[in-house]
Amino acid sequence: MIFIFYFIPFSLFSQEYFPKSNGELIKHTFYSLSYAEDHEQAEWVHYKITPLMLKGNVKRTNYFKIDRKVSTGSANTKDYLKSGYDRGHLAPAADMKLSKLSMSESFYMSNVSPQKHSFNAGAWLKLEKLVRAWAKISELYITTGGVLNSKYLKTIGNNNVSVPEEFYKIIYDPRNQKIIAFLMANEKLDLPIEKYIVTVDEIESLTGIDFYHQLDDELEEKMESTILKRQWFFN
C-alpha cells in the first residue's frame, strides 16, 4: 500500500480554481497560497482534499518551520512565542496525512495564522472536522485565510504578524456544483457551525479577493450570492 502514493498521477493533487492573488503566489505540492508580506501570513491558502487523502496515516509532526519559498521571508516560530496565540493551521495537518511530504508542508509558517486557542481548538476545529466528513464523499476545493483588510490589526512578534479578527473558509464541490462559505470571529464561539454560514460575495467584499473566477460567469454569480445550506449535512 505504501507504493500507491508514489504512482498516483500528480494531477490528482493539481490545484485548480486559484483565487486572484494580491500577494506573492507560492506553490507547494499539496497546497498553494498568496503571501501577504504586510501581514506576514497568507491572505489565502488553497488546496484540494480527496477521499484518498483522508486514508493517509502519517502522524502529525508539530515541526513548524520557515517557508523558504517566500522571497521576503516568512514569519517564524519566535513570533508566536508567549504571544497568547496559537499557530493556527489554514490547511490543517489532519487533511495532510497522506504522505510525509504533505504533512511536512502543512507546517510551513506561511500556512499558519495567529488564532486564539479557544477558537483554534473550538469552532475552527469543528469546522475542519466537518469539511473532512464532506470530503469522504466527494473531493473538495478549500480556500481559507484570515481577513486582512484592516490597517489596524493587532500584531505579534518581531515580524509584526497581524492577528486577524475573523477567519473564512470556502468549500467548493465541483462534482455536485455547490459551494458553501463560513466567516468566524477569532474568539470562543458557541453557536452551531451552520450559524456562521455566509455568501462568498460577503467574503469577497471583506477581503477584496476574487474567488472561483474561473467558473462560468452565470454559475459563479449564482453560487457565490446564494446560501444553500440544505445541500450540506451538519451532523
Protein backbone atom coordinates (compact mmCIF):
# COMPACT_ATOMS: atom_id res chain seq x y z
CA MET A 1 0.00 0.00 0.00
CA ILE A 2 2.90 2.37 0.56
CA PHE A 3 3.78 2.47 -3.13
CA ILE A 4 0.37 3.67 -4.23
CA PHE A 5 1.30 7.19 -3.18
CA TYR A 6 4.31 7.22 -5.46
CA PHE A 7 2.38 6.16 -8.54
CA ILE A 8 -0.66 8.39 -8.18
CA PRO A 9 -0.62 10.87 -11.07
CA PHE A 10 0.39 14.30 -9.88
CA SER A 11 -2.78 15.65 -11.48
CA LEU A 12 -4.68 14.16 -8.55
CA PHE A 13 -3.25 16.96 -6.45
CA SER A 14 -3.39 19.64 -9.12
CA GLN A 15 -4.53 22.91 -7.68
CA GLU A 16 -7.24 24.45 -9.80
CA TYR A 17 -9.59 27.34 -9.16
CA PHE A 18 -6.92 29.64 -7.72
CA PRO A 19 -8.27 32.88 -6.26
CA LYS A 20 -6.80 36.04 -7.71
CA SER A 21 -3.67 36.88 -5.73
CA ASN A 22 -2.85 40.22 -4.15
CA GLY A 23 0.34 38.81 -2.62
CA GLU A 24 3.19 36.53 -3.67
CA LEU A 25 1.91 33.28 -5.16
CA ILE A 26 3.65 30.30 -3.56
CA LYS A 27 3.06 26.78 -4.89
CA HIS A 28 3.77 23.74 -2.78
CA THR A 29 2.94 20.20 -3.82
CA PHE A 30 -0.23 19.84 -1.77
CA TYR A 31 -1.43 23.41 -1.47
CA SER A 32 -0.75 26.91 -2.71
CA LEU A 33 -1.02 30.29 -1.06
CA SER A 34 -0.84 34.03 -1.59
CA TYR A 35 1.62 35.51 0.90
CA ALA A 36 0.73 38.98 2.20
CA GLU A 37 4.06 40.47 3.26
CA ASP A 38 2.43 43.38 5.11
CA HIS A 39 0.74 40.87 7.39
CA GLU A 40 3.39 38.10 7.39
CA GLN A 41 0.91 35.36 6.55
CA ALA A 42 -1.20 34.05 3.71
CA GLU A 43 -4.20 36.04 2.55
CA TRP A 44 -5.46 32.69 1.28
CA VAL A 45 -4.40 29.04 1.24
CA HIS A 46 -5.94 26.85 -1.45
CA TYR A 47 -5.90 23.07 -1.80
CA LYS A 48 -7.83 20.03 -2.90
CA ILE A 49 -8.83 17.34 -0.44
CA THR A 50 -9.95 13.91 -1.66
CA PRO A 51 -11.31 10.72 -0.08
CA LEU A 52 -7.93 9.12 -0.83
CA MET A 53 -6.03 11.78 1.11
CA LEU A 54 -8.17 11.09 4.17
CA LYS A 55 -6.99 7.46 4.17
CA GLY A 56 -3.44 8.54 4.97
CA ASN A 57 -1.99 7.62 8.35
CA VAL A 58 1.14 9.76 8.63
CA LYS A 59 1.45 11.09 12.16
CA ARG A 60 1.43 14.80 12.98
CA THR A 61 4.96 16.19 13.28
CA ASN A 62 4.46 19.56 15.06
CA TYR A 63 7.66 20.74 13.36
CA PHE A 64 6.89 24.30 12.34
CA LYS A 65 9.41 25.87 10.00
CA ILE A 66 10.11 28.95 7.88
CA ASP A 67 8.82 28.80 4.31
CA ARG A 68 11.92 29.37 2.19
CA LYS A 69 9.82 29.85 -0.95
CA VAL A 70 8.59 33.20 0.35
CA SER A 71 11.01 35.65 -1.24
CA THR A 72 10.69 38.24 1.54
CA GLY A 73 10.95 35.63 4.29
CA SER A 74 8.02 34.19 6.19
CA ALA A 75 7.14 34.59 9.84
CA ASN A 76 8.90 32.24 12.26
CA THR A 77 8.00 30.37 15.42
CA LYS A 78 9.55 33.04 17.67
CA ASP A 79 6.88 35.49 16.54
CA TYR A 80 4.31 33.37 18.35
CA LEU A 81 6.34 32.68 21.50
CA LYS A 82 4.47 33.93 24.60
CA SER A 83 2.11 35.86 22.31
CA GLY A 84 -1.00 34.24 23.71
CA TYR A 85 -1.96 32.95 20.25
CA ASP A 86 -1.84 29.50 18.68
CA ARG A 87 -0.08 28.82 15.40
CA GLY A 88 -3.38 28.10 13.72
CA HIS A 89 -3.22 25.96 10.60
CA LEU A 90 -5.00 27.18 7.49
CA ALA A 91 -4.58 23.90 5.57
CA PRO A 92 -4.95 21.54 8.56
CA ALA A 93 -2.34 18.89 9.33
CA ALA A 94 -5.20 16.39 9.65
CA ASP A 95 -6.02 16.99 5.97
CA MET A 96 -2.41 16.24 5.03
CA LYS A 97 -1.79 12.76 6.46
CA LEU A 98 -1.33 11.18 3.03
CA SER A 99 2.47 11.31 2.99
CA LYS A 100 5.47 12.65 4.88
CA LEU A 101 5.74 15.41 2.28
CA SER A 102 2.16 16.60 2.66
CA MET A 103 2.46 16.54 6.45
CA SER A 104 5.77 18.41 6.36
CA GLU A 105 4.38 21.08 4.02
CA SER A 106 1.44 21.73 6.33
CA PHE A 107 3.88 23.01 8.98
CA TYR A 108 5.35 25.86 6.95
CA MET A 109 4.86 29.11 8.84
CA SER A 110 3.21 30.53 5.73
CA ASN A 111 0.34 28.12 6.41
CA VAL A 112 -0.40 29.39 9.91
CA SER A 113 -2.06 32.46 11.35
CA PRO A 114 -2.47 33.73 14.94
CA GLN A 115 -5.59 32.23 16.47
CA LYS A 116 -6.94 32.36 19.98
CA HIS A 117 -6.71 28.88 21.48
CA SER A 118 -10.42 28.85 22.33
CA PHE A 119 -11.13 29.42 18.63
CA ASN A 120 -8.44 27.15 17.18
CA ALA A 121 -9.41 24.23 19.43
CA GLY A 122 -13.10 25.05 19.32
CA ALA A 123 -15.26 26.22 16.41
CA TRP A 124 -12.39 26.22 13.89
CA LEU A 125 -11.54 22.62 14.72
CA LYS A 126 -15.21 21.62 14.48
CA LEU A 127 -15.39 23.18 11.02
CA GLU A 128 -12.22 21.38 9.89
CA LYS A 129 -13.69 18.05 11.04
CA LEU A 130 -16.94 18.79 9.23
CA VAL A 131 -15.07 19.53 5.99
CA ARG A 132 -13.25 16.19 6.27
CA ALA A 133 -16.58 14.42 6.71
CA TRP A 134 -17.80 16.06 3.50
CA ALA A 135 -14.56 15.15 1.71
CA LYS A 136 -15.10 11.45 2.45
CA ILE A 137 -17.99 11.61 0.00
CA SER A 138 -16.69 13.95 -2.70
CA GLU A 139 -13.41 15.70 -3.49
CA LEU A 140 -13.45 19.32 -2.45
CA TYR A 141 -11.52 22.51 -3.06
CA ILE A 142 -10.83 24.57 0.04
CA THR A 143 -9.84 28.23 0.21
CA THR A 144 -9.20 29.70 3.64
CA GLY A 145 -7.47 32.51 5.49
CA GLY A 146 -7.78 35.42 7.85
CA VAL A 147 -9.48 38.68 6.92
CA LEU A 148 -6.56 41.09 6.49
CA ASN A 149 -8.22 44.17 5.02
CA SER A 150 -7.79 46.34 8.14
CA LYS A 151 -4.69 48.50 8.65
CA TYR A 152 -5.24 48.48 12.40
CA LEU A 153 -4.96 44.82 13.26
CA LYS A 154 -3.03 43.85 16.38
CA THR A 155 0.41 42.38 15.64
CA ILE A 156 2.71 39.92 17.40
CA GLY A 157 6.42 39.15 17.25
CA ASN A 158 9.42 40.92 15.76
CA ASN A 159 7.99 40.38 12.28
CA ASN A 160 4.72 42.12 13.19
CA VAL A 161 2.44 39.24 12.29
CA SER A 162 -1.12 40.55 12.00
CA VAL A 163 -3.80 38.96 14.17
CA PRO A 164 -6.97 38.56 12.07
CA GLU A 165 -10.20 39.37 13.83
CA GLU A 166 -12.07 36.98 11.54
CA PHE A 167 -11.31 33.85 9.51
CA TYR A 168 -13.09 32.48 6.47
CA LYS A 169 -13.32 29.12 4.77
CA ILE A 170 -14.86 28.46 1.36
CA ILE A 171 -15.63 24.90 0.24
CA TYR A 172 -16.39 24.05 -3.38
CA ASP A 173 -17.70 20.68 -4.56
CA PRO A 174 -17.16 20.63 -8.35
CA ARG A 175 -18.85 17.27 -8.91
CA ASN A 176 -22.13 18.48 -7.42
CA GLN A 177 -21.64 22.13 -8.38
CA LYS A 178 -22.23 23.52 -4.92
CA ILE A 179 -20.36 25.90 -2.68
CA ILE A 180 -20.54 26.94 0.97
CA ALA A 181 -18.67 29.61 2.92
CA PHE A 182 -18.09 30.38 6.59
CA LEU A 183 -16.97 33.51 8.40
CA MET A 184 -15.94 33.23 12.05
CA ALA A 185 -14.67 35.68 14.65
CA ASN A 186 -11.27 34.82 16.13
CA GLU A 187 -12.68 34.08 19.58
CA LYS A 188 -14.54 31.44 21.52
CA LEU A 189 -17.72 30.63 19.60
CA ASP A 190 -20.63 28.67 20.98
CA LEU A 191 -23.27 28.67 18.26
CA PRO A 192 -23.79 25.72 15.88
CA ILE A 193 -21.42 25.76 12.89
CA GLU A 194 -24.22 26.48 10.42
CA LYS A 195 -24.84 29.83 12.13
CA TYR A 196 -21.58 31.11 10.63
CA ILE A 197 -22.52 30.45 7.00
CA VAL A 198 -22.28 33.48 4.71
CA THR A 199 -22.19 34.03 0.97
CA VAL A 200 -18.92 34.01 -0.94
CA ASP A 201 -19.85 37.51 -2.07
CA GLU A 202 -19.68 38.68 1.55
CA ILE A 203 -16.18 37.26 1.95
CA GLU A 204 -15.07 38.82 -1.32
CA SER A 205 -16.36 42.18 -0.11
CA LEU A 206 -14.44 41.85 3.17
CA THR A 207 -11.17 40.60 1.69
CA GLY A 208 -11.00 42.15 -1.77
CA ILE A 209 -10.22 38.70 -3.19
CA ASP A 210 -11.94 37.28 -6.28
CA PHE A 211 -12.68 33.59 -5.63
CA TYR A 212 -13.58 30.98 -8.27
CA HIS A 213 -13.35 33.48 -11.12
CA GLN A 214 -12.54 30.57 -13.48
CA LEU A 215 -16.13 29.35 -13.36
CA ASP A 216 -18.74 30.28 -15.93
CA ASP A 217 -19.91 33.79 -15.03
CA GLU A 218 -23.55 32.81 -14.60
CA LEU A 219 -22.68 29.81 -12.42
CA GLU A 220 -20.19 31.82 -10.36
CA GLU A 221 -22.69 34.60 -9.72
CA LYS A 222 -25.41 32.16 -8.71
CA MET A 223 -23.27 30.09 -6.32
CA GLU A 224 -21.40 33.00 -4.75
CA SER A 225 -24.51 35.03 -4.00
CA THR A 226 -26.65 32.23 -2.58
CA ILE A 227 -26.73 30.27 0.66
CA LEU A 228 -27.88 26.68 0.06
CA LYS A 229 -27.47 25.12 3.47
CA ARG A 230 -29.78 22.21 2.70
CA GLN A 231 -27.30 20.81 0.18
CA TRP A 232 -24.84 20.03 3.01
CA PHE A 233 -25.10 17.93 6.19
CA PHE A 234 -24.05 19.15 9.62
CA ASN A 235 -24.12 16.08 11.88
